[in-house]
N, C-alpha and C. Protein backbone atom coordinates (compact mmCIF):
# COMPACT_ATOMS: atom_id res chain seq x y z
N MET A 1 0.64 -0.99 0.08
CA MET A 1 0.14 0.37 -0.16
C MET A 1 0.99 0.81 0.05
N GLU A 2 2.14 0.99 0.54
CA GLU A 2 2.96 2.54 0.87
C GLU A 2 3.43 2.52 -0.39
N ASN A 3 3.87 1.77 -1.56
CA ASN A 3 3.98 1.61 -3.07
C ASN A 3 3.04 2.59 -3.96
N LEU A 4 1.61 2.29 -3.32
CA LEU A 4 0.69 3.34 -3.99
C LEU A 4 0.65 4.50 -3.92
N LYS A 5 1.18 4.84 -2.39
CA LYS A 5 0.91 6.61 -2.01
C LYS A 5 2.12 7.20 -2.88
N ASN A 6 2.97 6.37 -2.52
CA ASN A 6 4.80 6.86 -3.37
C ASN A 6 4.51 7.27 -4.82
N ILE A 7 3.14 6.56 -5.44
CA ILE A 7 3.46 5.90 -7.09
C ILE A 7 2.26 7.86 -7.13
N SER A 8 1.46 7.50 -6.09
CA SER A 8 0.56 8.54 -6.72
C SER A 8 0.95 10.29 -6.07
N GLY A 9 1.86 10.05 -5.22
CA GLY A 9 2.43 11.28 -5.23
C GLY A 9 3.55 11.99 -5.61
N ASP A 10 4.59 10.68 -6.50
CA ASP A 10 4.91 11.10 -7.19
C ASP A 10 4.43 11.60 -8.83
N TYR A 11 3.25 10.83 -8.79
CA TYR A 11 2.42 11.05 -10.06
C TYR A 11 1.60 12.98 -10.24
N ILE A 12 1.27 13.01 -8.85
CA ILE A 12 0.98 14.45 -9.08
C ILE A 12 1.80 15.33 -8.39
N LYS A 13 3.34 14.88 -8.62
CA LYS A 13 4.36 16.23 -8.51
C LYS A 13 4.55 15.83 -10.25
N THR A 14 4.49 15.25 -10.55
CA THR A 14 4.70 15.07 -12.40
C THR A 14 3.72 15.94 -13.37
N LEU A 15 2.51 15.95 -12.37
CA LEU A 15 0.99 16.09 -13.31
C LEU A 15 1.47 18.09 -13.12
N ALA A 16 1.86 18.79 -11.99
CA ALA A 16 2.35 20.13 -11.29
C ALA A 16 3.31 20.38 -12.05
N LYS A 17 3.92 19.42 -12.32
CA LYS A 17 5.51 20.40 -13.28
C LYS A 17 4.77 20.39 -14.82
N ARG A 18 3.94 19.24 -15.28
CA ARG A 18 3.62 19.58 -16.57
C ARG A 18 2.81 21.12 -16.85
N ALA A 19 1.86 21.22 -15.66
CA ALA A 19 0.74 22.19 -15.54
C ALA A 19 1.65 23.20 -16.39
N ARG A 20 2.90 23.48 -15.71
CA ARG A 20 3.64 24.68 -15.38
C ARG A 20 4.71 25.31 -16.90
N GLU A 21 4.61 23.63 -17.21
CA GLU A 21 5.45 23.87 -18.49
C GLU A 21 4.43 24.68 -19.78
N SER A 22 5.34 25.28 -21.00
CA SER A 22 4.46 25.79 -21.80
C SER A 22 4.21 24.77 -22.86
N LYS A 23 2.83 25.21 -23.49
CA LYS A 23 2.16 23.71 -24.08
C LYS A 23 1.95 24.61 -25.41
N VAL A 24 3.29 25.20 -25.94
CA VAL A 24 2.78 26.36 -27.15
C VAL A 24 3.67 25.11 -28.22
N TYR A 25 2.82 25.40 -29.27
CA TYR A 25 2.94 24.13 -30.33
C TYR A 25 3.05 24.40 -31.89
N LYS A 26 2.53 26.21 -32.26
CA LYS A 26 2.53 26.61 -33.47
C LYS A 26 3.02 27.74 -33.09
N PRO A 27 3.35 28.64 -34.64
CA PRO A 27 3.59 29.85 -34.20
C PRO A 27 2.66 30.76 -33.71
N PHE A 28 1.19 30.53 -34.67
CA PHE A 28 0.07 31.62 -34.35
C PHE A 28 -0.06 31.39 -32.64
N GLN A 29 -0.57 30.25 -32.21
CA GLN A 29 -0.10 30.04 -30.25
C GLN A 29 0.84 31.69 -29.46
N SER A 30 1.78 31.39 -29.94
CA SER A 30 2.74 32.19 -29.27
C SER A 30 2.47 33.39 -29.78
N THR A 31 1.98 33.99 -31.04
CA THR A 31 1.32 35.33 -31.36
C THR A 31 -0.03 35.61 -30.36
N GLY A 32 -0.43 34.82 -29.99
CA GLY A 32 -2.02 34.87 -29.73
C GLY A 32 -1.84 35.31 -28.04
N LEU A 33 -0.43 34.55 -27.82
CA LEU A 33 -0.19 34.57 -25.95
C LEU A 33 0.67 35.85 -25.99
N MET A 34 1.16 36.21 -26.73
CA MET A 34 2.09 38.13 -27.13
C MET A 34 0.94 39.18 -26.75
N LEU A 35 -0.13 38.50 -28.21
CA LEU A 35 -1.07 40.10 -27.99
C LEU A 35 -1.91 39.63 -26.57
N ALA A 36 -2.68 38.91 -26.09
CA ALA A 36 -2.43 38.23 -24.75
C ALA A 36 -2.46 39.65 -23.86
N GLU A 37 -0.82 39.35 -23.74
CA GLU A 37 -0.06 39.84 -22.69
C GLU A 37 0.12 41.29 -22.81
N ILE A 38 0.17 41.78 -24.14
CA ILE A 38 0.52 42.99 -24.50
C ILE A 38 -0.97 43.94 -24.26
N LEU A 39 -2.55 42.94 -24.55
CA LEU A 39 -3.18 44.29 -24.13
C LEU A 39 -3.82 43.68 -22.75
N ASP A 40 -2.61 43.01 -22.32
CA ASP A 40 -3.29 42.47 -20.73
C ASP A 40 -4.62 42.07 -20.55
N ASP A 41 -4.92 40.95 -21.37
CA ASP A 41 -6.34 40.29 -21.74
C ASP A 41 -6.27 38.77 -21.47
N GLN A 42 -5.96 38.41 -20.41
CA GLN A 42 -5.24 37.18 -19.95
C GLN A 42 -6.70 35.85 -20.39
N ARG A 43 -7.66 36.36 -20.03
CA ARG A 43 -8.84 35.80 -20.09
C ARG A 43 -9.50 35.06 -21.32
N ASN A 44 -8.87 36.15 -22.38
CA ASN A 44 -9.47 35.89 -24.38
C ASN A 44 -8.40 35.74 -24.67
N LYS A 45 -6.85 34.60 -24.43
CA LYS A 45 -5.93 34.62 -25.19
C LYS A 45 -6.53 33.96 -26.08
N ALA A 46 -7.42 32.43 -26.07
CA ALA A 46 -7.88 31.56 -27.00
C ALA A 46 -8.79 32.46 -28.37
N ILE A 47 -9.07 33.73 -28.27
CA ILE A 47 -9.86 34.78 -29.00
C ILE A 47 -8.38 35.30 -30.07
N TYR A 48 -7.55 35.92 -29.15
CA TYR A 48 -6.52 36.11 -29.80
C TYR A 48 -5.67 35.29 -30.49
N MET A 49 -5.44 33.94 -30.12
CA MET A 49 -4.91 32.84 -30.93
C MET A 49 -5.73 32.62 -32.12
N ARG A 50 -6.96 32.85 -32.24
CA ARG A 50 -7.62 32.54 -33.50
C ARG A 50 -7.36 33.69 -33.98
N LEU A 51 -7.42 34.61 -33.72
CA LEU A 51 -7.20 36.08 -34.56
C LEU A 51 -6.11 36.07 -35.45
N SER A 52 -4.80 35.42 -34.60
CA SER A 52 -3.25 35.35 -35.34
C SER A 52 -3.48 34.43 -36.29
N LYS A 53 -4.09 33.14 -36.56
CA LYS A 53 -4.44 32.48 -37.25
C LYS A 53 -4.81 33.01 -38.84
N ILE A 54 -5.96 33.93 -38.48
CA ILE A 54 -6.75 34.46 -39.56
C ILE A 54 -6.01 35.91 -40.34
N TYR A 55 -5.13 36.85 -39.08
CA TYR A 55 -4.81 37.78 -39.75
C TYR A 55 -3.52 38.09 -39.47
N ASP A 56 -2.96 39.26 -40.43
CA ASP A 56 -1.40 38.88 -40.59
C ASP A 56 -0.59 39.36 -39.23
N ASN A 57 0.29 38.77 -38.36
CA ASN A 57 0.41 38.67 -37.13
C ASN A 57 1.33 40.26 -37.10
N GLN A 58 2.69 40.49 -37.87
CA GLN A 58 2.90 41.94 -37.77
C GLN A 58 1.93 42.77 -37.56
N GLU A 59 0.72 43.22 -38.31
CA GLU A 59 0.45 43.78 -38.36
C GLU A 59 -0.58 43.50 -36.56
N LEU A 60 -1.10 42.74 -36.14
CA LEU A 60 -1.92 42.49 -35.31
C LEU A 60 -0.91 43.34 -33.74
N ILE A 61 0.21 42.96 -34.13
CA ILE A 61 1.48 42.97 -32.77
C ILE A 61 1.67 44.71 -32.66
N GLY A 62 1.61 45.02 -33.72
CA GLY A 62 1.57 46.62 -34.32
C GLY A 62 0.46 47.14 -33.75
N LYS A 63 -0.72 46.58 -33.67
CA LYS A 63 -1.89 47.53 -33.68
C LYS A 63 -1.59 47.44 -32.47
N ALA A 64 -1.45 46.01 -31.41
CA ALA A 64 -1.82 45.86 -29.97
C ALA A 64 -0.82 46.86 -29.58
N ARG A 65 0.21 47.23 -29.59
CA ARG A 65 1.36 47.54 -28.83
C ARG A 65 1.02 49.17 -29.06
N ASP A 66 0.36 49.88 -30.48
CA ASP A 66 0.34 51.12 -30.08
C ASP A 66 -1.25 51.54 -29.67
N ILE A 67 -1.73 50.02 -28.84
CA ILE A 67 -2.88 50.85 -28.23
C ILE A 67 -3.30 50.51 -26.93
N ALA A 68 -1.82 49.80 -26.43
CA ALA A 68 -1.50 49.37 -25.04
C ALA A 68 -0.51 50.58 -24.40
N GLU A 69 -0.11 51.97 -25.64
CA GLU A 69 0.60 52.67 -25.09
C GLU A 69 -0.37 53.94 -24.49
N ARG A 70 -1.84 53.90 -24.99
CA ARG A 70 -2.12 55.01 -24.77
C ARG A 70 -2.78 54.75 -24.05
N LYS A 71 -2.83 55.70 -22.42
CA LYS A 71 -2.84 55.46 -21.12
C LYS A 71 -4.64 56.00 -21.12
N SER A 72 -5.39 56.40 -21.96
CA SER A 72 -6.91 56.78 -21.73
C SER A 72 -7.51 55.65 -22.28
N ILE A 73 -7.28 54.62 -22.62
CA ILE A 73 -8.02 53.22 -22.73
C ILE A 73 -8.10 52.51 -21.75
N GLU A 74 -9.17 52.32 -20.94
CA GLU A 74 -9.39 51.55 -19.88
C GLU A 74 -9.72 49.57 -20.89
N ASN A 75 -10.41 49.26 -21.48
CA ASN A 75 -10.41 48.14 -21.78
C ASN A 75 -9.55 48.15 -23.11
N LYS A 76 -8.60 47.72 -23.19
CA LYS A 76 -7.83 47.95 -24.18
C LYS A 76 -7.95 46.64 -25.29
N GLY A 77 -8.34 45.45 -24.54
CA GLY A 77 -8.91 44.57 -25.29
C GLY A 77 -10.14 44.39 -26.09
N ALA A 78 -11.10 45.48 -25.77
CA ALA A 78 -12.44 45.46 -26.21
C ALA A 78 -12.06 46.95 -27.41
N TYR A 79 -11.12 47.69 -27.57
CA TYR A 79 -10.56 48.55 -28.28
C TYR A 79 -10.41 47.75 -29.61
N PHE A 80 -9.01 46.70 -29.01
CA PHE A 80 -8.24 46.33 -30.05
C PHE A 80 -9.51 45.69 -30.96
N MET A 81 -10.06 44.94 -30.52
CA MET A 81 -11.54 44.22 -31.22
C MET A 81 -12.12 45.09 -32.29
N LYS A 82 -12.65 46.09 -31.61
CA LYS A 82 -13.05 47.36 -32.29
C LYS A 82 -12.34 47.73 -33.15
N MET A 83 -10.62 47.99 -33.17
CA MET A 83 -10.20 48.51 -34.28
C MET A 83 -9.32 47.77 -35.30
N LEU A 84 -10.02 46.66 -34.98
CA LEU A 84 -9.56 45.27 -35.91
C LEU A 84 -9.62 45.11 -37.39
N LYS A 85 -11.09 46.07 -37.36
CA LYS A 85 -11.30 45.99 -38.82
C LYS A 85 -10.16 46.64 -40.15
N ASP A 86 -9.07 47.52 -39.49
CA ASP A 86 -8.18 48.02 -40.11
C ASP A 86 -6.53 47.20 -40.44
N VAL A 87 -7.18 46.00 -40.12
CA VAL A 87 -5.89 44.79 -39.76
C VAL A 87 -5.81 44.14 -41.24
N ARG A 88 -5.34 43.59 -42.38
CA ARG A 88 -5.30 42.93 -43.17
C ARG A 88 -5.51 41.45 -43.23
N LYS A 89 -6.32 40.65 -43.52
CA LYS A 89 -6.61 39.41 -43.59
C LYS A 89 -5.75 38.80 -44.26
N ILE A 90 -5.29 37.58 -44.09
CA ILE A 90 -4.55 36.86 -44.76
C ILE A 90 -5.30 35.50 -45.27
N ALA A 91 -5.19 35.44 -46.59
CA ALA A 91 -5.86 35.06 -47.70
C ALA A 91 -5.07 33.05 -47.10
N HIS A 92 -6.30 32.16 -46.58
CA HIS A 92 -5.53 30.83 -46.24
C HIS A 92 -6.73 30.13 -46.33
N PRO A 93 -6.39 29.14 -47.26
CA PRO A 93 -8.07 28.17 -47.78
C PRO A 93 -8.21 27.59 -46.64
N LYS A 94 -7.99 27.12 -45.64
CA LYS A 94 -8.49 26.21 -44.35
C LYS A 94 -9.55 26.89 -43.84
N LEU A 95 -9.18 28.51 -43.67
CA LEU A 95 -10.26 29.24 -43.05
C LEU A 95 -11.50 29.81 -43.54
N THR A 96 -11.48 29.36 -45.08
CA THR A 96 -12.27 29.81 -45.67
C THR A 96 -13.75 28.71 -45.58
N ARG A 97 -15.00 29.46 -45.13
CA ARG A 97 -15.81 27.94 -44.68
C ARG A 97 -16.76 28.41 -46.26
N LYS A 98 -17.00 26.47 -46.61
CA LYS A 98 -18.09 26.84 -47.65
C LYS A 98 -19.49 26.22 -47.29
N LYS A 99 -19.89 27.20 -48.70
CA LYS A 99 -21.44 27.08 -48.05
C LYS A 99 -22.13 25.54 -48.97
N THR A 100 -22.79 24.67 -48.23
CA THR A 100 -23.39 23.58 -48.88
C THR A 100 -24.76 23.72 -49.00
N VAL A 101 -25.35 22.84 -50.07
CA VAL A 101 -26.30 22.88 -49.74
C VAL A 101 -26.40 21.48 -49.60
N LYS A 102 -27.79 21.50 -48.68
CA LYS A 102 -28.53 20.54 -47.87
C LYS A 102 -29.50 20.10 -49.08
N LYS A 103 -29.13 18.11 -48.64
CA LYS A 103 -29.24 16.90 -49.43
C LYS A 103 -30.74 17.09 -49.62
N PHE A 104 -31.65 17.66 -49.45
CA PHE A 104 -33.42 17.85 -50.05
C PHE A 104 -33.24 18.87 -50.70
N LEU A 105 -32.47 19.92 -50.43
CA LEU A 105 -32.78 21.21 -50.96
C LEU A 105 -31.98 20.62 -52.43
N LYS A 106 -30.72 19.98 -52.71
CA LYS A 106 -30.10 19.57 -54.07
C LYS A 106 -31.57 18.74 -54.80
N GLN A 107 -32.24 17.97 -53.82
CA GLN A 107 -33.08 17.13 -54.64
C GLN A 107 -34.33 18.09 -55.48
N LYS A 108 -34.62 18.92 -54.69
CA LYS A 108 -35.93 19.74 -54.88
C LYS A 108 -35.59 20.45 -56.21
N LEU A 109 -34.59 21.07 -55.64
CA LEU A 109 -34.07 22.24 -57.27
C LEU A 109 -33.58 21.19 -58.19
N GLY A 110 -32.67 20.21 -57.87
CA GLY A 110 -32.65 18.61 -59.34
C GLY A 110 -31.19 19.07 -59.74
N ILE A 111 -30.85 19.34 -58.75
CA ILE A 111 -29.16 19.86 -58.75
C ILE A 111 -28.50 18.05 -58.95
């Protein structure tokens, strides 16, 4: 029974160690984390990762730094989202959604 306690204690320590390590595997993830840090908005880091997948990363970081320097803005994340329309989108085939016609509509229309 003591071996089981030691194993479970070691396992819990291993899990705690894994939780502290970074799990960034792709460049857009690190860009998203950087944006969340610049804008001081850690709650929405998943949104910033998604945006860094769609938009040009250099322009996103530049816009975020510009907004972070302004002292008059209280909610920098919300202001960043509002000003996002000025940033250029990347043409990425995986990120575009295709409109599909449902099967029953195809039959009705004779497609």
